Amino acid sequence: MVVFGGGSEGVDQNTTWAWDGTDWTQLSPARIPAAREEMGTVLDPASHQFLILGGTVFNTDTFFGETWKLTGQ
């Protein structure tokens, strides 16, 4: 499982984490999207691509209309 972003105490995050069934590991992609929450995400296990779509900035009307692709193992 891979997770990206979200919010903590009113501050948006732009960190990426992977769960291997036992431990969480913070990943370090070469390019990192801006911090956001309420985005859509999907992981394609065959191609090892993690897609991030849209999202918002906490407590604003800012909406990200972009798609990011993170790749890796």
N, C-alpha and C. Protein backbone atom coordinates (compact mmCIF):
# COMPACT_ATOMS: atom_id res chain seq x y z
N MET A 1 0.85 -1.16 0.00
CA MET A 1 0.00 0.00 0.00
C MET A 1 0.90 1.23 0.00
N VAL A 2 0.50 2.25 -0.75
CA VAL A 2 1.21 3.52 -0.80
C VAL A 2 0.22 4.63 -0.48
N VAL A 3 0.62 5.59 0.36
CA VAL A 3 -0.22 6.75 0.66
C VAL A 3 0.59 8.02 0.45
N PHE A 4 -0.14 9.08 0.09
CA PHE A 4 0.49 10.38 -0.15
C PHE A 4 -0.36 11.46 0.48
N GLY A 5 0.31 12.46 1.04
CA GLY A 5 -0.36 13.69 1.48
C GLY A 5 -1.35 13.50 2.60
N GLY A 6 -2.34 14.39 2.59
CA GLY A 6 -3.33 14.42 3.66
C GLY A 6 -3.09 15.60 4.56
N GLY A 7 -3.77 15.63 5.68
CA GLY A 7 -3.64 16.75 6.60
C GLY A 7 -3.43 16.29 8.02
N SER A 8 -2.75 17.11 8.78
CA SER A 8 -2.52 16.84 10.18
C SER A 8 -2.56 18.15 10.94
N GLU A 9 -3.57 18.31 11.81
CA GLU A 9 -3.72 19.52 12.62
C GLU A 9 -3.75 20.80 11.77
N GLY A 10 -4.46 20.73 10.63
CA GLY A 10 -4.64 21.90 9.79
C GLY A 10 -3.48 22.20 8.86
N VAL A 11 -2.51 21.30 8.78
CA VAL A 11 -1.36 21.50 7.89
C VAL A 11 -1.35 20.36 6.87
N ASP A 12 -1.39 20.73 5.58
CA ASP A 12 -1.34 19.71 4.53
C ASP A 12 0.07 19.11 4.45
N GLN A 13 0.12 17.85 4.05
CA GLN A 13 1.38 17.13 3.95
C GLN A 13 1.67 16.76 2.50
N ASN A 14 2.93 16.58 2.15
CA ASN A 14 3.29 16.07 0.82
C ASN A 14 4.31 14.93 0.93
N THR A 15 4.14 14.12 1.95
CA THR A 15 5.02 12.97 2.13
C THR A 15 4.37 11.73 1.52
N THR A 16 5.22 10.78 1.13
CA THR A 16 4.77 9.53 0.52
C THR A 16 5.29 8.38 1.38
N TRP A 17 4.38 7.46 1.71
CA TRP A 17 4.72 6.34 2.59
C TRP A 17 4.27 5.03 1.97
N ALA A 18 5.04 3.97 2.23
CA ALA A 18 4.69 2.62 1.76
C ALA A 18 4.56 1.69 2.96
N TRP A 19 3.55 0.82 2.92
CA TRP A 19 3.32 -0.18 3.97
C TRP A 19 3.60 -1.55 3.37
N ASP A 20 4.46 -2.33 4.00
CA ASP A 20 4.81 -3.66 3.48
C ASP A 20 4.11 -4.79 4.22
N GLY A 21 3.15 -4.44 5.06
CA GLY A 21 2.44 -5.43 5.85
C GLY A 21 2.94 -5.50 7.28
N THR A 22 4.11 -4.92 7.52
CA THR A 22 4.70 -4.90 8.86
C THR A 22 5.11 -3.49 9.28
N ASP A 23 5.76 -2.77 8.36
CA ASP A 23 6.32 -1.45 8.69
C ASP A 23 5.96 -0.40 7.64
N TRP A 24 5.91 0.85 8.08
CA TRP A 24 5.78 2.00 7.19
C TRP A 24 7.18 2.50 6.85
N THR A 25 7.40 2.84 5.56
CA THR A 25 8.67 3.41 5.11
C THR A 25 8.37 4.68 4.34
N GLN A 26 9.05 5.78 4.70
CA GLN A 26 8.86 7.02 3.94
C GLN A 26 9.66 6.92 2.65
N LEU A 27 8.99 7.20 1.53
CA LEU A 27 9.63 7.18 0.22
C LEU A 27 10.12 8.57 -0.13
N SER A 28 11.08 8.63 -1.05
CA SER A 28 11.65 9.92 -1.47
C SER A 28 11.63 10.01 -2.99
N PRO A 29 10.46 10.29 -3.58
CA PRO A 29 10.39 10.43 -5.04
C PRO A 29 11.26 11.58 -5.52
N ALA A 30 11.74 11.49 -6.77
CA ALA A 30 12.58 12.54 -7.34
C ALA A 30 11.83 13.87 -7.42
N ARG A 31 10.56 13.82 -7.79
CA ARG A 31 9.72 15.02 -7.85
C ARG A 31 8.54 14.80 -6.93
N ILE A 32 8.20 15.82 -6.16
CA ILE A 32 7.13 15.70 -5.16
C ILE A 32 6.07 16.76 -5.42
N PRO A 33 4.80 16.36 -5.54
CA PRO A 33 3.73 17.34 -5.70
C PRO A 33 3.61 18.25 -4.47
N ALA A 34 2.97 19.38 -4.65
CA ALA A 34 2.70 20.28 -3.53
C ALA A 34 1.83 19.58 -2.50
N ALA A 35 1.95 19.99 -1.25
CA ALA A 35 1.12 19.42 -0.18
C ALA A 35 -0.35 19.62 -0.51
N ARG A 36 -1.17 18.60 -0.19
CA ARG A 36 -2.60 18.66 -0.50
C ARG A 36 -3.36 17.61 0.28
N GLU A 37 -4.67 17.72 0.24
CA GLU A 37 -5.56 16.72 0.82
C GLU A 37 -6.73 16.53 -0.12
N GLU A 38 -7.55 15.53 0.14
CA GLU A 38 -8.75 15.23 -0.65
C GLU A 38 -8.45 14.93 -2.11
N MET A 39 -7.29 14.34 -2.37
CA MET A 39 -6.93 13.97 -3.74
C MET A 39 -7.31 12.52 -3.98
N GLY A 40 -7.35 12.15 -5.25
CA GLY A 40 -7.56 10.76 -5.60
C GLY A 40 -6.22 10.10 -5.84
N THR A 41 -6.08 8.84 -5.46
CA THR A 41 -4.83 8.11 -5.70
C THR A 41 -5.14 6.69 -6.14
N VAL A 42 -4.23 6.13 -6.92
CA VAL A 42 -4.34 4.73 -7.33
C VAL A 42 -2.92 4.20 -7.55
N LEU A 43 -2.72 2.93 -7.21
CA LEU A 43 -1.43 2.27 -7.41
C LEU A 43 -1.61 1.13 -8.40
N ASP A 44 -0.78 1.12 -9.45
CA ASP A 44 -0.77 0.02 -10.40
C ASP A 44 0.40 -0.88 -10.05
N PRO A 45 0.15 -2.04 -9.41
CA PRO A 45 1.25 -2.89 -8.97
C PRO A 45 2.07 -3.49 -10.12
N ALA A 46 1.47 -3.64 -11.29
CA ALA A 46 2.19 -4.21 -12.43
C ALA A 46 3.27 -3.27 -12.94
N SER A 47 2.97 -1.97 -13.01
CA SER A 47 3.93 -0.99 -13.55
C SER A 47 4.64 -0.21 -12.45
N HIS A 48 4.24 -0.42 -11.19
CA HIS A 48 4.81 0.32 -10.05
C HIS A 48 4.60 1.82 -10.19
N GLN A 49 3.47 2.22 -10.78
CA GLN A 49 3.14 3.64 -10.91
C GLN A 49 2.05 3.99 -9.91
N PHE A 50 2.27 5.10 -9.22
CA PHE A 50 1.33 5.63 -8.23
C PHE A 50 0.83 6.95 -8.78
N LEU A 51 -0.47 7.07 -9.04
CA LEU A 51 -1.04 8.28 -9.63
C LEU A 51 -1.77 9.09 -8.56
N ILE A 52 -1.58 10.40 -8.63
CA ILE A 52 -2.24 11.35 -7.72
C ILE A 52 -3.02 12.32 -8.60
N LEU A 53 -4.31 12.48 -8.32
CA LEU A 53 -5.16 13.35 -9.12
C LEU A 53 -5.81 14.40 -8.24
N GLY A 54 -5.64 15.67 -8.63
CA GLY A 54 -6.34 16.76 -7.96
C GLY A 54 -5.93 16.97 -6.53
N GLY A 55 -6.90 17.38 -5.72
CA GLY A 55 -6.69 17.68 -4.32
C GLY A 55 -6.98 19.13 -4.01
N THR A 56 -7.00 19.45 -2.73
CA THR A 56 -7.27 20.81 -2.28
C THR A 56 -6.25 21.23 -1.23
N VAL A 57 -6.21 22.54 -1.00
CA VAL A 57 -5.40 23.10 0.09
C VAL A 57 -6.33 23.31 1.27
N PHE A 58 -5.89 22.92 2.46
CA PHE A 58 -6.71 23.00 3.66
C PHE A 58 -7.32 24.39 3.84
N ASN A 59 -8.63 24.42 4.07
CA ASN A 59 -9.36 25.63 4.46
C ASN A 59 -9.27 26.76 3.43
N THR A 60 -9.14 26.39 2.14
CA THR A 60 -9.12 27.40 1.07
C THR A 60 -10.01 26.90 -0.07
N ASP A 61 -10.15 27.73 -1.09
CA ASP A 61 -10.87 27.33 -2.30
C ASP A 61 -9.90 26.87 -3.38
N THR A 62 -8.65 26.60 -3.02
CA THR A 62 -7.64 26.19 -3.99
C THR A 62 -7.82 24.72 -4.34
N PHE A 63 -7.96 24.44 -5.65
CA PHE A 63 -8.09 23.07 -6.14
C PHE A 63 -6.98 22.80 -7.14
N PHE A 64 -6.30 21.67 -6.98
CA PHE A 64 -5.27 21.25 -7.93
C PHE A 64 -5.93 20.42 -9.02
N GLY A 65 -5.84 20.86 -10.26
CA GLY A 65 -6.41 20.13 -11.38
C GLY A 65 -5.35 19.37 -12.16
N GLU A 66 -4.36 18.86 -11.47
CA GLU A 66 -3.23 18.21 -12.13
C GLU A 66 -3.17 16.73 -11.77
N THR A 67 -2.40 15.99 -12.56
CA THR A 67 -2.15 14.58 -12.28
C THR A 67 -0.65 14.38 -12.17
N TRP A 68 -0.24 13.66 -11.12
CA TRP A 68 1.17 13.33 -10.90
C TRP A 68 1.34 11.83 -11.02
N LYS A 69 2.48 11.41 -11.55
CA LYS A 69 2.82 9.99 -11.63
C LYS A 69 4.14 9.79 -10.89
N LEU A 70 4.11 8.97 -9.85
CA LEU A 70 5.32 8.62 -9.12
C LEU A 70 5.65 7.18 -9.48
N THR A 71 6.89 6.90 -9.83
CA THR A 71 7.28 5.54 -10.20
C THR A 71 8.37 5.03 -9.27
N GLY A 72 8.50 3.74 -9.19
CA GLY A 72 9.52 3.12 -8.36
C GLY A 72 9.11 1.74 -7.93
N GLN A 73 9.92 1.13 -7.12
CA GLN A 73 9.66 -0.23 -6.64
C GLN A 73 9.01 -0.18 -5.29
